[in-house]
PDB file of N, CA and C in Angstrom:
ATOM      1  N   UNK A   1     -38.775 -14.452   8.621  1.00  0.00           N
ATOM      2  CA  UNK A   1     -37.873 -13.794   9.734  1.00  0.00           C
ATOM      3  C   UNK A   1     -36.706 -14.399   9.828  1.00  0.00           C
ATOM      4  N   UNK A   2     -36.619 -15.753  10.039  1.00  0.00           N
ATOM      5  CA  UNK A   2     -35.329 -16.452  10.350  1.00  0.00           C
ATOM      6  C   UNK A   2     -34.426 -16.232   9.056  1.00  0.00           C
ATOM      7  N   UNK A   3     -34.864 -16.019   7.868  1.00  0.00           N
ATOM      8  CA  UNK A   3     -34.070 -16.061   6.575  1.00  0.00           C
ATOM      9  C   UNK A   3     -33.544 -14.292   6.527  1.00  0.00           C
ATOM     10  N   UNK A   4     -34.066 -13.511   6.959  1.00  0.00           N
ATOM     11  CA  UNK A   4     -33.845 -12.240   7.122  1.00  0.00           C
ATOM     12  C   UNK A   4     -32.647 -12.143   8.166  1.00  0.00           C
ATOM     13  N   UNK A   5     -32.973 -12.769   9.495  1.00  0.00           N
ATOM     14  CA  UNK A   5     -31.637 -12.591  10.221  1.00  0.00           C
ATOM     15  C   UNK A   5     -30.636 -13.205   9.526  1.00  0.00           C
ATOM     16  N   UNK A   6     -30.641 -14.028   8.978  1.00  0.00           N
ATOM     17  CA  UNK A   6     -29.273 -14.775   8.651  1.00  0.00           C
ATOM     18  C   UNK A   6     -28.674 -14.078   7.387  1.00  0.00           C
ATOM     19  N   UNK A   7     -29.848 -13.698   6.683  1.00  0.00           N
ATOM     20  CA  UNK A   7     -29.027 -12.536   5.465  1.00  0.00           C
ATOM     21  C   UNK A   7     -28.471 -11.406   6.084  1.00  0.00           C
ATOM     22  N   UNK A   8     -29.010 -10.922   7.162  1.00  0.00           N
ATOM     23  CA  UNK A   8     -28.020  -9.743   7.926  1.00  0.00           C
ATOM     24  C   UNK A   8     -26.946 -10.028   8.664  1.00  0.00           C
ATOM     25  N   UNK A   9     -27.015 -11.414   9.170  1.00  0.00           N
ATOM     26  CA  UNK A   9     -25.676 -11.773   9.636  1.00  0.00           C
ATOM     27  C   UNK A   9     -24.593 -11.802   8.550  1.00  0.00           C
ATOM     28  N   UNK A  10     -25.006 -12.383   7.284  1.00  0.00           N
ATOM     29  CA  UNK A  10     -23.943 -12.611   6.182  1.00  0.00           C
ATOM     30  C   UNK A  10     -23.350 -11.240   5.743  1.00  0.00           C
ATOM     31  N   UNK A  11     -24.411 -10.479   5.447  1.00  0.00           N
ATOM     32  CA  UNK A  11     -24.116  -9.010   4.735  1.00  0.00           C
ATOM     33  C   UNK A  11     -23.205  -8.269   5.842  1.00  0.00           C
ATOM     34  N   UNK A  12     -23.474  -8.220   7.077  1.00  0.00           N
ATOM     35  CA  UNK A  12     -22.620  -7.566   8.270  1.00  0.00           C
ATOM     36  C   UNK A  12     -21.340  -8.254   8.091  1.00  0.00           C
ATOM     37  N   UNK A  13     -20.907  -9.762   8.216  1.00  0.00           N
ATOM     38  CA  UNK A  13     -19.952 -10.433   8.097  1.00  0.00           C
ATOM     39  C   UNK A  13     -18.987 -10.021   7.044  1.00  0.00           C
ATOM     40  N   UNK A  14     -19.512  -9.703   5.887  1.00  0.00           N
ATOM     41  CA  UNK A  14     -19.058  -9.456   4.501  1.00  0.00           C
ATOM     42  C   UNK A  14     -18.612  -7.736   4.605  1.00  0.00           C
ATOM     43  N   UNK A  15     -19.231  -7.428   5.073  1.00  0.00           N
ATOM     44  CA  UNK A  15     -18.989  -5.847   5.449  1.00  0.00           C
ATOM     45  C   UNK A  15     -17.474  -5.517   6.429  1.00  0.00           C
ATOM     46  N   UNK A  16     -17.625  -6.603   7.355  1.00  0.00           N
ATOM     47  CA  UNK A  16     -16.535  -6.307   8.305  1.00  0.00           C
ATOM     48  C   UNK A  16     -15.326  -6.786   7.354  1.00  0.00           C
ATOM     49  N   UNK A  17     -15.192  -7.791   6.850  1.00  0.00           N
ATOM     50  CA  UNK A  17     -14.263  -8.429   5.960  1.00  0.00           C
ATOM     51  C   UNK A  17     -13.512  -7.402   5.219  1.00  0.00           C
ATOM     52  N   UNK A  18     -14.507  -6.888   4.192  1.00  0.00           N
ATOM     53  CA  UNK A  18     -14.351  -5.636   3.332  1.00  0.00           C
ATOM     54  C   UNK A  18     -13.500  -4.424   3.974  1.00  0.00           C
ATOM     55  N   UNK A  19     -14.113  -4.040   5.174  1.00  0.00           N
ATOM     56  CA  UNK A  19     -13.254  -3.002   5.673  1.00  0.00           C
ATOM     57  C   UNK A  19     -12.229  -3.471   6.310  1.00  0.00           C
ATOM     58  N   UNK A  20     -11.919  -4.340   7.027  1.00  0.00           N
ATOM     59  CA  UNK A  20     -10.465  -5.241   7.286  1.00  0.00           C
ATOM     60  C   UNK A  20      -9.576  -5.064   6.116  1.00  0.00           C
ATOM     61  N   UNK A  21      -9.866  -5.421   4.849  1.00  0.00           N
ATOM     62  CA  UNK A  21      -9.043  -5.374   3.826  1.00  0.00           C
ATOM     63  C   UNK A  21      -8.556  -3.946   3.766  1.00  0.00           C
ATOM     64  N   UNK A  22      -9.527  -3.109   3.528  1.00  0.00           N
ATOM     65  CA  UNK A  22      -9.145  -1.627   3.360  1.00  0.00           C
ATOM     66  C   UNK A  22      -8.256  -1.172   4.090  1.00  0.00           C
ATOM     67  N   UNK A  23      -8.374  -1.341   5.470  1.00  0.00           N
ATOM     68  CA  UNK A  23      -7.585  -0.913   6.599  1.00  0.00           C
ATOM     69  C   UNK A  23      -6.197  -1.190   6.402  1.00  0.00           C
ATOM     70  N   UNK A  24      -5.843  -2.555   6.375  1.00  0.00           N
ATOM     71  CA  UNK A  24      -4.602  -3.317   6.029  1.00  0.00           C
ATOM     72  C   UNK A  24      -3.977  -2.668   4.953  1.00  0.00           C
ATOM     73  N   UNK A  25      -4.613  -2.479   3.782  1.00  0.00           N
ATOM     74  CA  UNK A  25      -4.170  -1.986   2.488  1.00  0.00           C
ATOM     75  C   UNK A  25      -3.353  -0.343   2.809  1.00  0.00           C
ATOM     76  N   UNK A  26      -4.269   0.293   3.374  1.00  0.00           N
ATOM     77  CA  UNK A  26      -3.759   1.570   4.182  1.00  0.00           C
ATOM     78  C   UNK A  26      -2.794   1.326   4.951  1.00  0.00           C
ATOM     79  N   UNK A  27      -2.632   0.631   5.651  1.00  0.00           N
ATOM     80  CA  UNK A  27      -1.449   0.614   6.668  1.00  0.00           C
ATOM     81  C   UNK A  27      -0.371  -0.144   5.599  1.00  0.00           C
ATOM     82  N   UNK A  28      -0.446  -0.901   4.593  1.00  0.00           N
ATOM     83  CA  UNK A  28       0.694  -1.159   4.026  1.00  0.00           C
ATOM     84  C   UNK A  28       1.292  -0.208   3.132  1.00  0.00           C
ATOM     85  N   UNK A  29       0.354   0.689   2.624  1.00  0.00           N
ATOM     86  CA  UNK A  29       0.693   2.099   1.808  1.00  0.00           C
ATOM     87  C   UNK A  29       1.715   2.870   2.767  1.00  0.00           C
ATOM     88  N   UNK A  30       1.153   3.145   3.915  1.00  0.00           N
ATOM     89  CA  UNK A  30       1.924   3.953   5.176  1.00  0.00           C
ATOM     90  C   UNK A  30       3.499   3.455   5.093  1.00  0.00           C
ATOM     91  N   UNK A  31       3.445   1.841   5.441  1.00  0.00           N
ATOM     92  CA  UNK A  31       4.925   1.021   5.456  1.00  0.00           C
ATOM     93  C   UNK A  31       5.558   1.253   4.385  1.00  0.00           C
ATOM     94  N   UNK A  32       5.016   1.290   3.221  1.00  0.00           N
ATOM     95  CA  UNK A  32       5.828   1.146   2.003  1.00  0.00           C
ATOM     96  C   UNK A  32       6.380   2.556   2.019  1.00  0.00           C
ATOM     97  N   UNK A  33       5.736   3.656   2.037  1.00  0.00           N
ATOM     98  CA  UNK A  33       6.184   5.078   2.356  1.00  0.00           C
ATOM     99  C   UNK A  33       7.096   5.361   3.248  1.00  0.00           C
ATOM    100  N   UNK A  34       7.145   4.768   4.531  1.00  0.00           N
ATOM    101  CA  UNK A  34       8.118   5.003   5.543  1.00  0.00           C
ATOM    102  C   UNK A  34       9.309   4.088   5.078  1.00  0.00           C
ATOM    103  N   UNK A  35       9.272   3.092   4.493  1.00  0.00           N
ATOM    104  CA  UNK A  35      10.344   2.354   4.150  1.00  0.00           C
ATOM    105  C   UNK A  35      11.530   2.978   3.133  1.00  0.00           C
ATOM    106  N   UNK A  36      10.336   3.607   1.950  1.00  0.00           N
ATOM    107  CA  UNK A  36      11.369   4.029   1.103  1.00  0.00           C
ATOM    108  C   UNK A  36      11.849   5.597   1.517  1.00  0.00           C
ATOM    109  N   UNK A  37      11.400   5.995   2.257  1.00  0.00           N
ATOM    110  CA  UNK A  37      11.909   7.406   2.756  1.00  0.00           C
ATOM    111  C   UNK A  37      12.925   7.375   3.614  1.00  0.00           C
ATOM    112  N   UNK A  38      12.757   5.984   4.487  1.00  0.00           N
ATOM    113  CA  UNK A  38      13.947   5.750   5.209  1.00  0.00           C
ATOM    114  C   UNK A  38      15.052   5.095   4.521  1.00  0.00           C
ATOM    115  N   UNK A  39      14.986   4.343   3.673  1.00  0.00           N
ATOM    116  CA  UNK A  39      15.822   4.072   2.630  1.00  0.00           C
ATOM    117  C   UNK A  39      17.033   5.050   2.027  1.00  0.00           C
ATOM    118  N   UNK A  40      16.174   6.064   1.409  1.00  0.00           N
ATOM    119  CA  UNK A  40      16.657   7.292   0.803  1.00  0.00           C
ATOM    120  C   UNK A  40      17.501   8.230   1.599  1.00  0.00           C
ATOM    121  N   UNK A  41      16.968   8.238   3.170  1.00  0.00           N
ATOM    122  CA  UNK A  41      17.531   9.051   4.152  1.00  0.00           C
ATOM    123  C   UNK A  41      19.374   8.301   4.373  1.00  0.00           C
ATOM    124  N   UNK A  42      18.995   6.932   4.232  1.00  0.00           N
ATOM    125  CA  UNK A  42      20.239   6.313   4.802  1.00  0.00           C
ATOM    126  C   UNK A  42      21.515   6.423   3.647  1.00  0.00           C
ATOM    127  N   UNK A  43      20.716   6.750   2.942  1.00  0.00           N
ATOM    128  CA  UNK A  43      21.555   6.765   1.163  1.00  0.00           C
ATOM    129  C   UNK A  43      22.035   8.389   1.094  1.00  0.00           C
ATOM    130  N   UNK A  44      21.846   9.225   2.013  1.00  0.00           N
ATOM    131  CA  UNK A  44      22.208  10.699   1.994  1.00  0.00           C
ATOM    132  C   UNK A  44      20.947  11.362   1.173  1.00  0.00           C
ATOM    133  N   UNK A  45      20.020  11.186   0.817  1.00  0.00           N
ATOM    134  CA  UNK A  45      18.999  12.037  -0.006  1.00  0.00           C
ATOM    135  C   UNK A  45      18.023  12.065   0.756  1.00  0.00           C
ATOM    136  N   UNK A  46      17.066  12.971   0.319  1.00  0.00           N
ATOM    137  CA  UNK A  46      15.939  13.508   0.945  1.00  0.00           C
ATOM    138  C   UNK A  46      14.655  13.114   0.042  1.00  0.00           C
ATOM    139  N   UNK A  47      13.670  12.363   0.596  1.00  0.00           N
ATOM    140  CA  UNK A  47      12.416  11.538  -0.221  1.00  0.00           C
ATOM    141  C   UNK A  47      11.241  12.234   0.231  1.00  0.00           C
ATOM    142  N   UNK A  48      10.553  13.552  -0.333  1.00  0.00           N
ATOM    143  CA  UNK A  48       9.074  13.713   0.184  1.00  0.00           C
ATOM    144  C   UNK A  48       8.111  13.202  -0.816  1.00  0.00           C
ATOM    145  N   UNK A  49       7.420  12.441  -0.087  1.00  0.00           N
ATOM    146  CA  UNK A  49       6.096  11.577  -0.806  1.00  0.00           C
ATOM    147  C   UNK A  49       5.144  12.578  -0.823  1.00  0.00           C
ATOM    148  N   UNK A  50       4.396  12.591  -2.252  1.00  0.00           N
ATOM    149  CA  UNK A  50       3.317  13.466  -2.487  1.00  0.00           C
ATOM    150  C   UNK A  50       1.882  12.621  -2.579  1.00  0.00           C
ATOM    151  N   UNK A  51       2.313  11.287  -2.931  1.00  0.00           N
ATOM    152  CA  UNK A  51       1.182  10.535  -3.326  1.00  0.00           C
ATOM    153  C   UNK A  51       1.848   9.130  -3.329  1.00  0.00           C
ATOM    154  N   UNK A  52       1.174   7.944  -3.019  1.00  0.00           N
ATOM    155  CA  UNK A  52       1.560   6.684  -3.401  1.00  0.00           C
ATOM    156  C   UNK A  52       0.112   5.788  -3.605  1.00  0.00           C
ATOM    157  N   UNK A  53       0.029   5.365  -4.607  1.00  0.00           N
ATOM    158  CA  UNK A  53      -1.122   4.631  -5.294  1.00  0.00           C
ATOM    159  C   UNK A  53      -1.172   3.196  -5.430  1.00  0.00           C
ATOM    160  N   UNK A  54      -1.329   2.129  -4.741  1.00  0.00           N
ATOM    161  CA  UNK A  54      -1.101   0.667  -4.922  1.00  0.00           C
ATOM    162  C   UNK A  54      -2.262   0.092  -5.246  1.00  0.00           C
ATOM    163  N   UNK A  55      -2.287  -0.925  -6.182  1.00  0.00           N
ATOM    164  CA  UNK A  55      -3.477  -1.576  -6.538  1.00  0.00           C
ATOM    165  C   UNK A  55      -3.145  -3.229  -6.580  1.00  0.00           C
ATOM    166  N   UNK A  56      -3.727  -3.682  -6.167  1.00  0.00           N
ATOM    167  CA  UNK A  56      -3.581  -5.309  -5.952  1.00  0.00           C
ATOM    168  C   UNK A  56      -3.409  -5.939  -7.309  1.00  0.00           C
ATOM    169  N   UNK A  57      -2.253  -6.642  -7.489  1.00  0.00           N
ATOM    170  CA  UNK A  57      -1.936  -7.179  -8.890  1.00  0.00           C
ATOM    171  C   UNK A  57      -2.299  -8.737  -8.805  1.00  0.00           C
ATOM    172  N   UNK A  58      -1.424  -9.622  -8.377  1.00  0.00           N
ATOM    173  CA  UNK A  58      -1.880 -10.998  -8.041  1.00  0.00           C
ATOM    174  C   UNK A  58      -1.360 -11.668  -6.946  1.00  0.00           C
ATOM    175  N   UNK A  59      -2.025 -12.676  -6.236  1.00  0.00           N
ATOM    176  CA  UNK A  59      -1.528 -13.119  -4.949  1.00  0.00           C
ATOM    177  C   UNK A  59      -1.735 -12.153  -3.661  1.00  0.00           C
ATOM    178  N   UNK A  60      -0.336 -12.337  -3.408  1.00  0.00           N
ATOM    179  CA  UNK A  60      -0.153 -10.840  -2.558  1.00  0.00           C
ATOM    180  C   UNK A  60       0.734  -9.780  -2.740  1.00  0.00           C
ATOM    181  N   UNK A  61       0.442  -9.709  -3.985  1.00  0.00           N
ATOM    182  CA  UNK A  61       1.183  -8.666  -5.029  1.00  0.00           C
ATOM    183  C   UNK A  61       0.583  -7.598  -5.165  1.00  0.00           C
ATOM    184  N   UNK A  62       1.247  -5.984  -5.186  1.00  0.00           N
ATOM    185  CA  UNK A  62       0.563  -4.906  -5.138  1.00  0.00           C
ATOM    186  C   UNK A  62       1.782  -4.052  -6.293  1.00  0.00           C
ATOM    187  N   UNK A  63       1.067  -3.323  -7.382  1.00  0.00           N
ATOM    188  CA  UNK A  63       1.906  -2.591  -7.877  1.00  0.00           C
ATOM    189  C   UNK A  63       1.177  -0.964  -7.997  1.00  0.00           C
ATOM    190  N   UNK A  64       2.365  -0.148  -8.200  1.00  0.00           N
ATOM    191  CA  UNK A  64       1.923   1.203  -7.846  1.00  0.00           C
ATOM    192  C   UNK A  64       2.838   2.134  -8.562  1.00  0.00           C
ATOM    193  N   UNK A  65       2.517   3.434  -8.313  1.00  0.00           N
ATOM    194  CA  UNK A  65       3.284   4.576  -8.591  1.00  0.00           C
ATOM    195  C   UNK A  65       3.584   5.392  -7.442  1.00  0.00           C
ATOM    196  N   UNK A  66       4.571   5.842  -7.025  1.00  0.00           N
ATOM    197  CA  UNK A  66       4.856   6.883  -5.942  1.00  0.00           C
ATOM    198  C   UNK A  66       5.253   8.151  -6.874  1.00  0.00           C
ATOM    199  N   UNK A  67       4.735   9.030  -6.408  1.00  0.00           N
ATOM    200  CA  UNK A  67       5.191  10.764  -6.607  1.00  0.00           C
ATOM    201  C   UNK A  67       5.712  11.409  -5.542  1.00  0.00           C
ATOM    202  N   UNK A  68       6.603  12.016  -5.971  1.00  0.00           N
ATOM    203  CA  UNK A  68       7.107  13.190  -4.754  1.00  0.00           C
ATOM    204  C   UNK A  68       8.193  13.954  -5.050  1.00  0.00           C
ATOM    205  N   UNK A  69       9.272  14.151  -4.399  1.00  0.00           N
ATOM    206  CA  UNK A  69      10.308  15.007  -4.631  1.00  0.00           C
ATOM    207  C   UNK A  69      11.572  14.382  -3.967  1.00  0.00           C
ATOM    208  N   UNK A  70      12.804  14.212  -5.000  1.00  0.00           N
ATOM    209  CA  UNK A  70      13.894  13.618  -4.302  1.00  0.00           C
ATOM    210  C   UNK A  70      14.836  14.574  -4.469  1.00  0.00           C
ATOM    211  N   UNK A  71      15.419  14.910  -3.136  1.00  0.00           N
ATOM    212  CA  UNK A  71      16.522  16.400  -3.118  1.00  0.00           C
ATOM    213  C   UNK A  71      15.888  17.360  -3.714  1.00  0.00           C
ATOM    214  N   UNK A  72      14.804  17.531  -3.844  1.00  0.00           N
ATOM    215  CA  UNK A  72      14.243  18.803  -4.437  1.00  0.00           C
ATOM    216  C   UNK A  72      13.550  18.856  -5.889  1.00  0.00           C
ATOM    217  N   UNK A  73      13.807  17.652  -6.269  1.00  0.00           N
ATOM    218  CA  UNK A  73      13.669  17.489  -7.841  1.00  0.00           C
ATOM    219  C   UNK A  73      12.221  16.398  -7.918  1.00  0.00           C
ATOM    220  N   UNK A  74      11.620  16.823  -8.855  1.00  0.00           N
ATOM    221  CA  UNK A  74      10.134  15.753  -9.060  1.00  0.00           C
ATOM    222  C   UNK A  74      10.757  14.600  -9.363  1.00  0.00           C
ATOM    223  N   UNK A  75      10.023  13.674  -8.994  1.00  0.00           N
ATOM    224  CA  UNK A  75      10.358  11.950  -9.087  1.00  0.00           C
ATOM    225  C   UNK A  75       9.155  11.103  -9.184  1.00  0.00           C
ATOM    226  N   UNK A  76       9.371  10.204  -9.798  1.00  0.00           N
ATOM    227  CA  UNK A  76       8.059   9.064 -10.027  1.00  0.00           C
ATOM    228  C   UNK A  76       8.883   7.923  -9.995  1.00  0.00           C
ATOM    229  N   UNK A  77       8.244   7.217  -9.042  1.00  0.00           N
ATOM    230  CA  UNK A  77       8.756   5.621  -8.738  1.00  0.00           C
ATOM    231  C   UNK A  77       8.084   4.475  -9.172  1.00  0.00           C
ATOM    232  N   UNK A  78       8.423   3.669 -10.196  1.00  0.00           N
ATOM    233  CA  UNK A  78       7.392   2.393 -10.451  1.00  0.00           C
ATOM    234  C   UNK A  78       7.745   1.493  -8.997  1.00  0.00           C
ATOM    235  N   UNK A  79       6.672   1.120  -8.268  1.00  0.00           N
ATOM    236  CA  UNK A  79       6.754   0.312  -6.712  1.00  0.00           C
ATOM    237  C   UNK A  79       6.120  -0.875  -7.008  1.00  0.00           C
ATOM    238  N   UNK A  80       6.830  -2.046  -6.775  1.00  0.00           N
ATOM    239  CA  UNK A  80       5.952  -3.300  -6.331  1.00  0.00           C
ATOM    240  C   UNK A  80       6.301  -3.813  -5.221  1.00  0.00           C
ATOM    241  N   UNK A  81       5.360  -4.422  -4.798  1.00  0.00           N
ATOM    242  CA  UNK A  81       5.275  -4.842  -3.132  1.00  0.00           C
ATOM    243  C   UNK A  81       4.774  -6.398  -3.018  1.00  0.00           C
ATOM    244  N   UNK A  82       5.464  -7.171  -2.332  1.00  0.00           N
ATOM    245  CA  UNK A  82       4.859  -8.419  -2.055  1.00  0.00           C
ATOM    246  C   UNK A  82       4.548  -8.646  -0.776  1.00  0.00           C
ATOM    247  N   UNK A  83       3.482  -8.629  -0.132  1.00  0.00           N
ATOM    248  CA  UNK A  83       2.839  -8.638   0.847  1.00  0.00           C
ATOM    249  C   UNK A  83       2.695 -10.058   1.591  1.00  0.00           C
ATOM    250  N   UNK A  84       3.626 -10.294   2.562  1.00  0.00           N
ATOM    251  CA  UNK A  84       3.537 -11.896   3.083  1.00  0.00           C
ATOM    252  C   UNK A  84       2.844 -11.875   4.584  1.00  0.00           C
ATOM    253  N   UNK A  85       2.259 -10.908   4.729  1.00  0.00           N
ATOM    254  CA  UNK A  85       1.265 -10.607   6.063  1.00  0.00           C
ATOM    255  C   UNK A  85       1.862  -9.988   6.995  1.00  0.00           C
ATOM    256  N   UNK A  86       2.876 -10.729   7.876  1.00  0.00           N
ATOM    257  CA  UNK A  86       3.434  -9.688   8.854  1.00  0.00           C
ATOM    258  C   UNK A  86       4.783  -9.265   8.586  1.00  0.00           C
ATOM    259  N   UNK A  87       5.221  -9.363   7.118  1.00  0.00           N
ATOM    260  CA  UNK A  87       6.264  -8.578   6.663  1.00  0.00           C
ATOM    261  C   UNK A  87       5.810  -8.514   5.075  1.00  0.00           C
ATOM    262  N   UNK A  88       6.651  -7.601   4.401  1.00  0.00           N
ATOM    263  CA  UNK A  88       6.764  -7.096   3.343  1.00  0.00           C
ATOM    264  C   UNK A  88       7.752  -6.740   2.257  1.00  0.00           C
ATOM    265  N   UNK A  89       8.336  -7.257   0.947  1.00  0.00           N
ATOM    266  CA  UNK A  89       9.332  -6.624   0.375  1.00  0.00           C
ATOM    267  C   UNK A  89       8.474  -5.552  -0.682  1.00  0.00           C
ATOM    268  N   UNK A  90       9.745  -4.806  -0.759  1.00  0.00           N
ATOM    269  CA  UNK A  90       9.319  -3.775  -1.693  1.00  0.00           C
ATOM    270  C   UNK A  90      10.441  -3.492  -2.516  1.00  0.00           C
ATOM    271  N   UNK A  91      10.146  -3.204  -3.963  1.00  0.00           N
ATOM    272  CA  UNK A  91      11.014  -2.955  -4.995  1.00  0.00           C
ATOM    273  C   UNK A  91      10.606  -1.733  -5.688  1.00  0.00           C
ATOM    274  N   UNK A  92      11.474  -0.878  -5.902  1.00  0.00           N
ATOM    275  CA  UNK A  92      11.196   0.217  -6.555  1.00  0.00           C
ATOM    276  C   UNK A  92      11.993   0.821  -7.752  1.00  0.00           C
ATOM    277  N   UNK A  93      11.644   1.858  -8.429  1.00  0.00           N
ATOM    278  CA  UNK A  93      12.815   2.198  -9.748  1.00  0.00           C
ATOM    279  C   UNK A  93      12.357   3.645 -10.167  1.00  0.00           C
ATOM    280  N   UNK A  94      13.305   4.299  -9.952  1.00  0.00           N
ATOM    281  CA  UNK A  94      12.802   5.896 -10.327  1.00  0.00           C
ATOM    282  C   UNK A  94      12.698   5.868 -11.857  1.00  0.00           C
ATOM    283  N   UNK A  95      11.797   6.494 -12.237  1.00  0.00           N
ATOM    284  CA  UNK A  95      11.369   6.838 -13.775  1.00  0.00           C
ATOM    285  C   UNK A  95      12.426   7.681 -14.126  1.00  0.00           C
ATOM    286  N   UNK A  96      13.130   7.749 -15.597  1.00  0.00           N
ATOM    287  CA  UNK A  96      14.156   8.731 -15.916  1.00  0.00           C
ATOM    288  C   UNK A  96      13.116   9.296 -16.937  1.00  0.00           C
TER     289      UNK A  96
END
């Protein structure tokens, strides 16, 4: 009975930690979208995001692709994110 209880506690702990990572990745994705849209607005452009997919690369880094419309034209960006916990750096390049 004691082994069963310990196993359940470990399983629940792992589940909580896993779901915590998923939520923070979703928040990171939202923040990256907001940062890119805001940057383009500051430079007189209009960016409408259709989709952003980020995948963990190495360490605290993520790589992904953002698709959408830039000033009404289809646009695809290669995105690189370095997540330092409370802050993040985003680099992106418009595919030609």
